[in-house]
């Protein structure tokens, strides 16, 4: 994303200013306003690029035998939660609430998923899905019978009016903080939690009543429900990585393993450094959980 608007004429710049968020452009000459306008310019360029691809498929008479899937890996935050993050978080970039990689609020997680398939009638759907569903869905829609893949997502069968496992109450998770302490978001229906591994702290939100996530809920029943959901994710993700040989110092540091164990997860899993330093007891002295 370019950091200037030098390539755009005055009319286009004015259009970008109109499209900018009012709270970011209270001062049209501010750095925040410029960054929001540059982002909107990037969105316009992306739309043009997508249109070029689709028009090319039409001109080459390939559109009726081509599936097109458009989605994003994340959104961008423009200080939507600056006040909620700044006092508590540690961002090595020295910024709070801008860009991506520092939080798990909806402006980063609620991304588009648009699908064009010549044999499927289009429809806007409300079921809760995850990006992990894209790959198994592609395999199914393209009828790749011999595809040897193991994924955690589900197939989205779009030919049905409704389909099992994809109600609004489905459980989905998000994680992967690049700048600051790791967090995990769990969602079921319109209820959502954000869990911080560093301080064992939950935030709860009702996305129907509070879609912008500015009014956290304090509720004991939510604590119990989402503690279980978060634990399910930690246990599954940690053991999957461990079994695949991916749980090493580059994926999860010993200190992170210790944090998870301290709150009751991943018991019996050791870091590589621990495995090297501590010989495994033999016979009846061997400890750890067994499954």
C-alpha atoms as a PDB file:
ATOM      1  CA  UNK A   1       0.000   0.000   0.000  1.00  0.00           C
ATOM      2  CA  UNK A   2       1.601   3.247  -1.131  1.00  0.00           C
ATOM      3  CA  UNK A   3       2.042   5.905   1.530  1.00  0.00           C
ATOM      4  CA  UNK A   4       1.113   8.899  -0.676  1.00  0.00           C
ATOM      5  CA  UNK A   5      -1.620  10.069  -3.036  1.00  0.00           C
ATOM      6  CA  UNK A   6       0.671  11.743  -5.560  1.00  0.00           C
ATOM      7  CA  UNK A   7      -0.537   9.515  -8.395  1.00  0.00           C
ATOM      8  CA  UNK A   8      -4.154  10.745  -8.074  1.00  0.00           C
ATOM      9  CA  UNK A   9      -5.664  13.922  -9.470  1.00  0.00           C
ATOM     10  CA  UNK A  10      -7.591  16.432  -7.376  1.00  0.00           C
ATOM     11  CA  UNK A  11     -11.017  14.985  -8.254  1.00  0.00           C
ATOM     12  CA  UNK A  12      -9.988  11.464  -7.171  1.00  0.00           C
ATOM     13  CA  UNK A  13      -8.414  12.762  -3.978  1.00  0.00           C
ATOM     14  CA  UNK A  14     -11.643  14.551  -3.117  1.00  0.00           C
ATOM     15  CA  UNK A  15     -13.576  11.329  -3.751  1.00  0.00           C
ATOM     16  CA  UNK A  16     -11.198   9.455  -1.442  1.00  0.00           C
ATOM     17  CA  UNK A  17     -11.711  12.099   1.227  1.00  0.00           C
ATOM     18  CA  UNK A  18     -15.489  11.680   0.956  1.00  0.00           C
ATOM     19  CA  UNK A  19     -15.067   7.917   1.347  1.00  0.00           C
ATOM     20  CA  UNK A  20     -12.755   8.283   4.356  1.00  0.00           C
ATOM     21  CA  UNK A  21     -13.960   7.617   7.873  1.00  0.00           C
ATOM     22  CA  UNK A  22     -15.246  10.855   9.457  1.00  0.00           C
ATOM     23  CA  UNK A  23     -13.519  10.115  12.771  1.00  0.00           C
ATOM     24  CA  UNK A  24     -10.181   9.652  10.979  1.00  0.00           C
ATOM     25  CA  UNK A  25     -10.542  12.805   8.899  1.00  0.00           C
ATOM     26  CA  UNK A  26     -11.733  15.402  11.399  1.00  0.00           C
ATOM     27  CA  UNK A  27      -8.567  17.147  10.259  1.00  0.00           C
ATOM     28  CA  UNK A  28      -8.259  16.500   6.516  1.00  0.00           C
ATOM     29  CA  UNK A  29      -4.546  17.295   6.649  1.00  0.00           C
ATOM     30  CA  UNK A  30      -3.706  14.863   9.438  1.00  0.00           C
ATOM     31  CA  UNK A  31      -1.570  11.750   9.070  1.00  0.00           C
ATOM     32  CA  UNK A  32      -4.508   9.604  10.155  1.00  0.00           C
ATOM     33  CA  UNK A  33      -6.680  11.014   7.403  1.00  0.00           C
ATOM     34  CA  UNK A  34      -3.945  10.455   4.825  1.00  0.00           C
ATOM     35  CA  UNK A  35      -3.542   6.817   5.892  1.00  0.00           C
ATOM     36  CA  UNK A  36      -7.284   6.214   5.610  1.00  0.00           C
ATOM     37  CA  UNK A  37      -7.397   7.813   2.162  1.00  0.00           C
ATOM     38  CA  UNK A  38      -4.408   5.751   0.998  1.00  0.00           C
ATOM     39  CA  UNK A  39      -6.194   2.600   2.175  1.00  0.00           C
ATOM     40  CA  UNK A  40      -9.344   3.559   0.248  1.00  0.00           C
ATOM     41  CA  UNK A  41      -7.190   4.223  -2.822  1.00  0.00           C
ATOM     42  CA  UNK A  42      -5.753   0.726  -2.498  1.00  0.00           C
ATOM     43  CA  UNK A  43      -9.270  -0.731  -2.304  1.00  0.00           C
ATOM     44  CA  UNK A  44     -10.216   1.082  -5.517  1.00  0.00           C
ATOM     45  CA  UNK A  45      -7.112  -0.241  -7.275  1.00  0.00           C
ATOM     46  CA  UNK A  46      -7.927  -3.762  -6.108  1.00  0.00           C
ATOM     47  CA  UNK A  47     -11.473  -3.486  -7.436  1.00  0.00           C
ATOM     48  CA  UNK A  48     -10.108  -2.396 -10.807  1.00  0.00           C
ATOM     49  CA  UNK A  49      -7.706  -5.354 -10.854  1.00  0.00           C
ATOM     50  CA  UNK A  50     -10.494  -7.807 -10.077  1.00  0.00           C
ATOM     51  CA  UNK A  51     -12.688  -6.277 -12.783  1.00  0.00           C
ATOM     52  CA  UNK A  52      -9.821  -6.651 -15.250  1.00  0.00           C
ATOM     53  CA  UNK A  53      -9.526 -10.370 -14.500  1.00  0.00           C
ATOM     54  CA  UNK A  54     -13.276 -10.961 -14.789  1.00  0.00           C
ATOM     55  CA  UNK A  55     -13.528  -8.958 -18.016  1.00  0.00           C
ATOM     56  CA  UNK A  56     -10.641 -10.948 -19.448  1.00  0.00           C
ATOM     57  CA  UNK A  57     -12.449 -14.198 -18.646  1.00  0.00           C
ATOM     58  CA  UNK A  58     -15.549 -12.871 -20.402  1.00  0.00           C
ATOM     59  CA  UNK A  59     -13.609 -11.765 -23.491  1.00  0.00           C
ATOM     60  CA  UNK A  60     -11.890 -15.161 -23.727  1.00  0.00           C
ATOM     61  CA  UNK A  61     -15.275 -16.914 -23.241  1.00  0.00           C
ATOM     62  CA  UNK A  62     -13.993 -18.690 -20.151  1.00  0.00           C
ATOM     63  CA  UNK A  63     -16.306 -17.187 -17.538  1.00  0.00           C
ATOM     64  CA  UNK A  64     -18.895 -19.971 -17.937  1.00  0.00           C
ATOM     65  CA  UNK A  65     -16.350 -22.654 -17.069  1.00  0.00           C
ATOM     66  CA  UNK A  66     -14.356 -20.870 -14.378  1.00  0.00           C
ATOM     67  CA  UNK A  67     -14.847 -20.698 -10.626  1.00  0.00           C
ATOM     68  CA  UNK A  68     -13.680 -17.502  -8.948  1.00  0.00           C
ATOM     69  CA  UNK A  69     -13.218 -17.223  -5.192  1.00  0.00           C
ATOM     70  CA  UNK A  70     -12.364 -13.874  -3.634  1.00  0.00           C
ATOM     71  CA  UNK A  71     -11.494 -13.506   0.037  1.00  0.00           C
ATOM     72  CA  UNK A  72      -9.174 -11.609   2.333  1.00  0.00           C
ATOM     73  CA  UNK A  73      -6.786 -12.892   5.001  1.00  0.00           C
ATOM     74  CA  UNK A  74      -7.569  -9.991   7.335  1.00  0.00           C
ATOM     75  CA  UNK A  75      -9.020  -6.502   7.541  1.00  0.00           C
ATOM     76  CA  UNK A  76      -7.440  -3.250   8.681  1.00  0.00           C
ATOM     77  CA  UNK A  77      -7.996  -1.328  11.882  1.00  0.00           C
ATOM     78  CA  UNK A  78      -8.045   2.466  11.964  1.00  0.00           C
ATOM     79  CA  UNK A  79      -7.864   3.199  15.689  1.00  0.00           C
ATOM     80  CA  UNK A  80     -11.342   1.686  16.201  1.00  0.00           C
ATOM     81  CA  UNK A  81     -10.239   0.370  19.609  1.00  0.00           C
ATOM     82  CA  UNK A  82      -7.322   2.614  20.406  1.00  0.00           C
ATOM     83  CA  UNK A  83      -8.660   3.570  23.836  1.00  0.00           C
ATOM     84  CA  UNK A  84      -9.289  -0.071  24.752  1.00  0.00           C
ATOM     85  CA  UNK A  85      -5.842  -1.279  23.690  1.00  0.00           C
ATOM     86  CA  UNK A  86      -3.338   1.428  24.506  1.00  0.00           C
ATOM     87  CA  UNK A  87      -3.319   1.151  28.314  1.00  0.00           C
ATOM     88  CA  UNK A  88      -2.963  -2.632  28.336  1.00  0.00           C
ATOM     89  CA  UNK A  89      -1.181  -3.882  25.251  1.00  0.00           C
ATOM     90  CA  UNK A  90       2.436  -3.988  24.196  1.00  0.00           C
ATOM     91  CA  UNK A  91       2.977  -3.340  20.499  1.00  0.00           C
ATOM     92  CA  UNK A  92       6.660  -3.480  19.484  1.00  0.00           C
ATOM     93  CA  UNK A  93       5.904  -1.047  16.653  1.00  0.00           C
ATOM     94  CA  UNK A  94       4.986   1.626  19.192  1.00  0.00           C
ATOM     95  CA  UNK A  95       1.504   2.097  17.731  1.00  0.00           C
ATOM     96  CA  UNK A  96      -1.893   1.065  19.017  1.00  0.00           C
ATOM     97  CA  UNK A  97      -5.017   0.312  17.070  1.00  0.00           C
ATOM     98  CA  UNK A  98      -3.743   0.808  13.513  1.00  0.00           C
ATOM     99  CA  UNK A  99      -3.210  -1.710  10.712  1.00  0.00           C
ATOM    100  CA  UNK A 100      -3.407  -5.396  11.487  1.00  0.00           C
ATOM    101  CA  UNK A 101      -1.655  -8.020  13.564  1.00  0.00           C
ATOM    102  CA  UNK A 102      -2.279  -6.407  16.941  1.00  0.00           C
ATOM    103  CA  UNK A 103      -5.865  -7.359  17.827  1.00  0.00           C
ATOM    104  CA  UNK A 104      -8.779  -9.678  17.057  1.00  0.00           C
ATOM    105  CA  UNK A 105     -11.669  -7.250  16.784  1.00  0.00           C
ATOM    106  CA  UNK A 106     -14.234  -7.593  13.990  1.00  0.00           C
ATOM    107  CA  UNK A 107     -12.675  -4.978  11.725  1.00  0.00           C
ATOM    108  CA  UNK A 108      -9.802  -7.454  11.322  1.00  0.00           C
ATOM    109  CA  UNK A 109     -11.777 -10.715  11.368  1.00  0.00           C
ATOM    110  CA  UNK A 110     -14.960  -9.984   9.400  1.00  0.00           C
ATOM    111  CA  UNK A 111     -13.583 -10.354   5.877  1.00  0.00           C
ATOM    112  CA  UNK A 112     -15.342 -10.830   2.523  1.00  0.00           C
ATOM    113  CA  UNK A 113     -15.855 -14.251   0.945  1.00  0.00           C
ATOM    114  CA  UNK A 114     -17.265 -13.954  -2.577  1.00  0.00           C
ATOM    115  CA  UNK A 115     -17.736 -16.982  -4.821  1.00  0.00           C
ATOM    116  CA  UNK A 116     -18.617 -17.186  -8.517  1.00  0.00           C
ATOM    117  CA  UNK A 117     -19.426 -20.652  -9.819  1.00  0.00           C
ATOM    118  CA  UNK A 118     -21.083 -21.080 -13.247  1.00  0.00           C
ATOM    119  CA  UNK A 119     -23.199 -23.988 -12.000  1.00  0.00           C
ATOM    120  CA  UNK A 120     -24.435 -22.429  -8.760  1.00  0.00           C
ATOM    121  CA  UNK A 121     -27.084 -19.751  -8.367  1.00  0.00           C
ATOM    122  CA  UNK A 122     -25.783 -16.883  -6.278  1.00  0.00           C
ATOM    123  CA  UNK A 123     -27.172 -16.079  -2.848  1.00  0.00           C
ATOM    124  CA  UNK A 124     -26.102 -14.050   0.167  1.00  0.00           C
ATOM    125  CA  UNK A 125     -25.701 -16.381   3.144  1.00  0.00           C
ATOM    126  CA  UNK A 126     -25.745 -15.628   6.863  1.00  0.00           C
ATOM    127  CA  UNK A 127     -24.147 -18.812   8.206  1.00  0.00           C
ATOM    128  CA  UNK A 128     -20.940 -18.379  10.162  1.00  0.00           C
ATOM    129  CA  UNK A 129     -17.938 -19.687   8.216  1.00  0.00           C
ATOM    130  CA  UNK A 130     -14.172 -19.528   8.547  1.00  0.00           C
ATOM    131  CA  UNK A 131     -11.273 -19.175   6.123  1.00  0.00           C
ATOM    132  CA  UNK A 132     -10.282 -22.756   6.960  1.00  0.00           C
ATOM    133  CA  UNK A 133     -13.435 -23.764   5.054  1.00  0.00           C
ATOM    134  CA  UNK A 134     -12.164 -22.379   1.735  1.00  0.00           C
ATOM    135  CA  UNK A 135      -9.772 -25.208   0.848  1.00  0.00           C
ATOM    136  CA  UNK A 136     -12.124 -28.182   1.483  1.00  0.00           C
ATOM    137  CA  UNK A 137     -14.870 -26.295  -0.342  1.00  0.00           C
ATOM    138  CA  UNK A 138     -12.673 -25.779  -3.400  1.00  0.00           C
ATOM    139  CA  UNK A 139     -11.768 -29.467  -3.396  1.00  0.00           C
ATOM    140  CA  UNK A 140     -15.466 -30.404  -3.298  1.00  0.00           C
ATOM    141  CA  UNK A 141     -16.643 -27.870  -5.880  1.00  0.00           C
ATOM    142  CA  UNK A 142     -13.875 -28.799  -8.319  1.00  0.00           C
ATOM    143  CA  UNK A 143     -14.617 -32.508  -7.745  1.00  0.00           C
ATOM    144  CA  UNK A 144     -11.011 -33.354  -6.952  1.00  0.00           C
ATOM    145  CA  UNK A 145     -11.717 -36.921  -5.950  1.00  0.00           C
ATOM    146  CA  UNK A 146      -8.109 -37.947  -5.305  1.00  0.00           C
ATOM    147  CA  UNK A 147      -7.092 -34.860  -3.331  1.00  0.00           C
ATOM    148  CA  UNK A 148      -5.088 -36.174  -0.382  1.00  0.00           C
ATOM    149  CA  UNK A 149      -5.425 -33.353   2.137  1.00  0.00           C
ATOM    150  CA  UNK A 150      -6.161 -33.107   5.835  1.00  0.00           C
ATOM    151  CA  UNK A 151      -7.773 -29.851   6.916  1.00  0.00           C
ATOM    152  CA  UNK A 152      -9.742 -28.647   9.899  1.00  0.00           C
ATOM    153  CA  UNK A 153     -12.319 -26.726   7.872  1.00  0.00           C
ATOM    154  CA  UNK A 154     -15.695 -27.825   6.550  1.00  0.00           C
ATOM    155  CA  UNK A 155     -17.089 -28.078   3.034  1.00  0.00           C
ATOM    156  CA  UNK A 156     -19.580 -25.312   2.224  1.00  0.00           C
ATOM    157  CA  UNK A 157     -22.266 -26.993   0.075  1.00  0.00           C
ATOM    158  CA  UNK A 158     -23.901 -23.960  -1.584  1.00  0.00           C
ATOM    159  CA  UNK A 159     -26.547 -25.903  -3.544  1.00  0.00           C
ATOM    160  CA  UNK A 160     -28.592 -26.565  -0.418  1.00  0.00           C
ATOM    161  CA  UNK A 161     -30.972 -24.093   1.153  1.00  0.00           C
ATOM    162  CA  UNK A 162     -29.513 -24.938   4.554  1.00  0.00           C
ATOM    163  CA  UNK A 163     -26.750 -27.292   5.562  1.00  0.00           C
ATOM    164  CA  UNK A 164     -25.661 -29.115   8.656  1.00  0.00           C
ATOM    165  CA  UNK A 165     -22.911 -27.605  10.774  1.00  0.00           C
ATOM    166  CA  UNK A 166     -23.124 -24.047   9.461  1.00  0.00           C
ATOM    167  CA  UNK A 167     -25.751 -22.362  11.598  1.00  0.00           C
ATOM    168  CA  UNK A 168     -25.054 -18.989  13.158  1.00  0.00           C
ATOM    169  CA  UNK A 169     -24.275 -20.894  16.365  1.00  0.00           C
ATOM    170  CA  UNK A 170     -21.283 -22.715  14.898  1.00  0.00           C
ATOM    171  CA  UNK A 171     -18.014 -22.294  16.825  1.00  0.00           C
ATOM    172  CA  UNK A 172     -15.133 -20.585  15.003  1.00  0.00           C
ATOM    173  CA  UNK A 173     -11.758 -19.389  16.261  1.00  0.00           C
ATOM    174  CA  UNK A 174      -9.132 -16.841  15.278  1.00  0.00           C
ATOM    175  CA  UNK A 175      -5.569 -16.374  16.506  1.00  0.00           C
ATOM    176  CA  UNK A 176      -2.116 -15.268  15.416  1.00  0.00           C
ATOM    177  CA  UNK A 177      -1.028 -11.955  16.952  1.00  0.00           C
ATOM    178  CA  UNK A 178       2.075 -10.658  15.166  1.00  0.00           C
ATOM    179  CA  UNK A 179       2.641  -7.547  17.281  1.00  0.00           C
ATOM    180  CA  UNK A 180       2.262  -8.109  20.979  1.00  0.00           C
ATOM    181  CA  UNK A 181       1.045 -10.893  23.295  1.00  0.00           C
ATOM    182  CA  UNK A 182      -0.842 -13.779  21.704  1.00  0.00           C
ATOM    183  CA  UNK A 183      -4.659 -13.742  21.811  1.00  0.00           C
ATOM    184  CA  UNK A 184      -7.419 -16.131  20.791  1.00  0.00           C
ATOM    185  CA  UNK A 185     -10.907 -15.188  19.669  1.00  0.00           C
ATOM    186  CA  UNK A 186     -13.762 -17.676  20.048  1.00  0.00           C
ATOM    187  CA  UNK A 187     -17.174 -17.098  18.559  1.00  0.00           C
ATOM    188  CA  UNK A 188     -20.485 -18.895  18.655  1.00  0.00           C
ATOM    189  CA  UNK A 189     -23.469 -17.161  17.094  1.00  0.00           C
ATOM    190  CA  UNK A 190     -23.505 -13.484  17.969  1.00  0.00           C
ATOM    191  CA  UNK A 191     -21.447 -13.979  21.137  1.00  0.00           C
ATOM    192  CA  UNK A 192     -17.687 -13.562  21.010  1.00  0.00           C
ATOM    193  CA  UNK A 193     -14.719 -13.669  23.358  1.00  0.00           C
ATOM    194  CA  UNK A 194     -11.126 -12.457  23.074  1.00  0.00           C
ATOM    195  CA  UNK A 195      -8.691 -14.192  25.399  1.00  0.00           C
ATOM    196  CA  UNK A 196      -5.225 -12.828  26.191  1.00  0.00           C
ATOM    197  CA  UNK A 197      -2.699 -15.530  27.043  1.00  0.00           C
ATOM    198  CA  UNK A 198      -0.388 -13.082  28.763  1.00  0.00           C
ATOM    199  CA  UNK A 199      -2.684 -12.129  31.638  1.00  0.00           C
ATOM    200  CA  UNK A 200      -5.396 -14.805  31.406  1.00  0.00           C
ATOM    201  CA  UNK A 201      -7.966 -12.086  30.617  1.00  0.00           C
ATOM    202  CA  UNK A 202     -11.246 -12.383  28.685  1.00  0.00           C
ATOM    203  CA  UNK A 203     -13.283  -9.765  26.838  1.00  0.00           C
ATOM    204  CA  UNK A 204     -16.884 -10.705  25.924  1.00  0.00           C
ATOM    205  CA  UNK A 205     -19.068  -9.034  23.296  1.00  0.00           C
ATOM    206  CA  UNK A 206     -22.624  -9.385  21.989  1.00  0.00           C
ATOM    207  CA  UNK A 207     -22.143  -8.589  18.290  1.00  0.00           C
ATOM    208  CA  UNK A 208     -25.869  -8.121  17.665  1.00  0.00           C
ATOM    209  CA  UNK A 209     -26.217  -5.466  20.361  1.00  0.00           C
ATOM    210  CA  UNK A 210     -22.669  -4.101  20.090  1.00  0.00           C
ATOM    211  CA  UNK A 211     -21.271  -4.767  16.592  1.00  0.00           C
ATOM    212  CA  UNK A 212     -18.421  -2.275  17.088  1.00  0.00           C
ATOM    213  CA  UNK A 213     -17.258  -4.044  20.283  1.00  0.00           C
ATOM    214  CA  UNK A 214     -17.083  -1.020  22.551  1.00  0.00           C
ATOM    215  CA  UNK A 215     -19.174  -2.376  25.449  1.00  0.00           C
ATOM    216  CA  UNK A 216     -17.572  -5.515  26.963  1.00  0.00           C
ATOM    217  CA  UNK A 217     -19.895  -7.755  28.954  1.00  0.00           C
ATOM    218  CA  UNK A 218     -19.175  -9.019  32.464  1.00  0.00           C
ATOM    219  CA  UNK A 219     -20.979 -12.347  32.842  1.00  0.00           C
ATOM    220  CA  UNK A 220     -20.017 -15.479  34.795  1.00  0.00           C
ATOM    221  CA  UNK A 221     -21.889 -17.846  32.467  1.00  0.00           C
ATOM    222  CA  UNK A 222     -20.013 -16.420  29.489  1.00  0.00           C
ATOM    223  CA  UNK A 223     -16.756 -16.957  31.344  1.00  0.00           C
ATOM    224  CA  UNK A 224     -17.543 -20.643  31.822  1.00  0.00           C
ATOM    225  CA  UNK A 225     -18.728 -21.204  28.250  1.00  0.00           C
ATOM    226  CA  UNK A 226     -15.876 -19.434  26.511  1.00  0.00           C
ATOM    227  CA  UNK A 227     -13.237 -20.829  28.830  1.00  0.00           C
ATOM    228  CA  UNK A 228     -14.286 -24.247  27.536  1.00  0.00           C
ATOM    229  CA  UNK A 229     -14.283 -23.106  23.888  1.00  0.00           C
ATOM    230  CA  UNK A 230     -10.880 -21.468  24.233  1.00  0.00           C
ATOM    231  CA  UNK A 231      -9.523 -24.573  25.909  1.00  0.00           C
ATOM    232  CA  UNK A 232     -10.836 -26.742  23.079  1.00  0.00           C
ATOM    233  CA  UNK A 233      -8.957 -24.595  20.574  1.00  0.00           C
ATOM    234  CA  UNK A 234      -5.717 -24.511  22.550  1.00  0.00           C
ATOM    235  CA  UNK A 235      -5.752 -28.252  23.073  1.00  0.00           C
ATOM    236  CA  UNK A 236      -6.537 -29.025  19.437  1.00  0.00           C
ATOM    237  CA  UNK A 237      -4.106 -26.527  17.936  1.00  0.00           C
ATOM    238  CA  UNK A 238      -1.258 -27.380  20.275  1.00  0.00           C
ATOM    239  CA  UNK A 239      -1.557 -31.122  19.848  1.00  0.00           C
ATOM    240  CA  UNK A 240      -1.980 -30.868  16.058  1.00  0.00           C
ATOM    241  CA  UNK A 241       1.217 -28.856  15.770  1.00  0.00           C
ATOM    242  CA  UNK A 242       3.027 -31.160  18.167  1.00  0.00           C
ATOM    243  CA  UNK A 243       1.971 -34.289  16.260  1.00  0.00           C
ATOM    244  CA  UNK A 244       2.995 -32.716  12.956  1.00  0.00           C
ATOM    245  CA  UNK A 245       6.430 -31.807  14.289  1.00  0.00           C
ATOM    246  CA  UNK A 246       5.687 -28.093  13.952  1.00  0.00           C
ATOM    247  CA  UNK A 247       5.676 -27.216  17.626  1.00  0.00           C
ATOM    248  CA  UNK A 248       9.267 -25.999  17.930  1.00  0.00           C
ATOM    249  CA  UNK A 249      10.980 -22.848  19.126  1.00  0.00           C
ATOM    250  CA  UNK A 250      10.022 -21.010  15.944  1.00  0.00           C
ATOM    251  CA  UNK A 251       6.327 -21.797  16.390  1.00  0.00           C
ATOM    252  CA  UNK A 252       5.805 -21.731  20.143  1.00  0.00           C
ATOM    253  CA  UNK A 253       8.391 -20.637  22.681  1.00  0.00           C
ATOM    254  CA  UNK A 254       8.957 -22.599  25.914  1.00  0.00           C
ATOM    255  CA  UNK A 255       7.564 -19.629  27.838  1.00  0.00           C
ATOM    256  CA  UNK A 256       4.345 -19.853  25.802  1.00  0.00           C
ATOM    257  CA  UNK A 257       4.066 -23.560  26.575  1.00  0.00           C
ATOM    258  CA  UNK A 258       4.558 -22.788  30.258  1.00  0.00           C
ATOM    259  CA  UNK A 259       1.792 -20.155  30.091  1.00  0.00           C
ATOM    260  CA  UNK A 260      -0.623 -22.652  28.519  1.00  0.00           C
ATOM    261  CA  UNK A 261       0.230 -25.326  31.058  1.00  0.00           C
ATOM    262  CA  UNK A 262      -0.232 -22.853  33.900  1.00  0.00           C
ATOM    263  CA  UNK A 263      -3.871 -22.332  32.919  1.00  0.00           C
ATOM    264  CA  UNK A 264      -4.512 -26.043  32.452  1.00  0.00           C
ATOM    265  CA  UNK A 265      -3.826 -26.790  28.782  1.00  0.00           C
ATOM    266  CA  UNK A 266      -1.315 -28.919  26.824  1.00  0.00           C
ATOM    267  CA  UNK A 267      -0.366 -30.989  29.823  1.00  0.00           C
ATOM    268  CA  UNK A 268       2.186 -33.662  28.914  1.00  0.00           C
ATOM    269  CA  UNK A 269       3.664 -31.727  25.974  1.00  0.00           C
ATOM    270  CA  UNK A 270       7.268 -30.599  26.316  1.00  0.00           C
ATOM    271  CA  UNK A 271       9.271 -28.106  24.340  1.00  0.00           C
ATOM    272  CA  UNK A 272      12.218 -29.449  22.361  1.00  0.00           C
ATOM    273  CA  UNK A 273      14.655 -27.901  24.822  1.00  0.00           C
ATOM    274  CA  UNK A 274      12.945 -29.640  27.728  1.00  0.00           C
ATOM    275  CA  UNK A 275      12.928 -32.946  25.879  1.00  0.00           C
ATOM    276  CA  UNK A 276      16.659 -32.635  25.204  1.00  0.00           C
ATOM    277  CA  UNK A 277      17.581 -31.634  28.736  1.00  0.00           C
ATOM    278  CA  UNK A 278      15.371 -34.007  30.741  1.00  0.00           C
ATOM    279  CA  UNK A 279      15.618 -37.755  30.045  1.00  0.00           C
ATOM    280  CA  UNK A 280      12.302 -39.590  29.992  1.00  0.00           C
ATOM    281  CA  UNK A 281      11.842 -41.842  33.049  1.00  0.00           C
ATOM    282  CA  UNK A 282      11.428 -45.534  32.331  1.00  0.00           C
ATOM    283  CA  UNK A 283       8.963 -48.091  33.635  1.00  0.00           C
ATOM    284  CA  UNK A 284       6.634 -47.110  36.463  1.00  0.00           C
ATOM    285  CA  UNK A 285       8.408 -43.782  36.957  1.00  0.00           C
ATOM    286  CA  UNK A 286       7.172 -42.373  33.645  1.00  0.00           C
ATOM    287  CA  UNK A 287       4.703 -39.545  34.176  1.00  0.00           C
ATOM    288  CA  UNK A 288       2.402 -37.412  32.072  1.00  0.00           C
ATOM    289  CA  UNK A 289      -1.055 -37.994  30.695  1.00  0.00           C
ATOM    290  CA  UNK A 290      -1.939 -41.020  28.605  1.00  0.00           C
ATOM    291  CA  UNK A 291      -4.648 -41.181  25.999  1.00  0.00           C
END
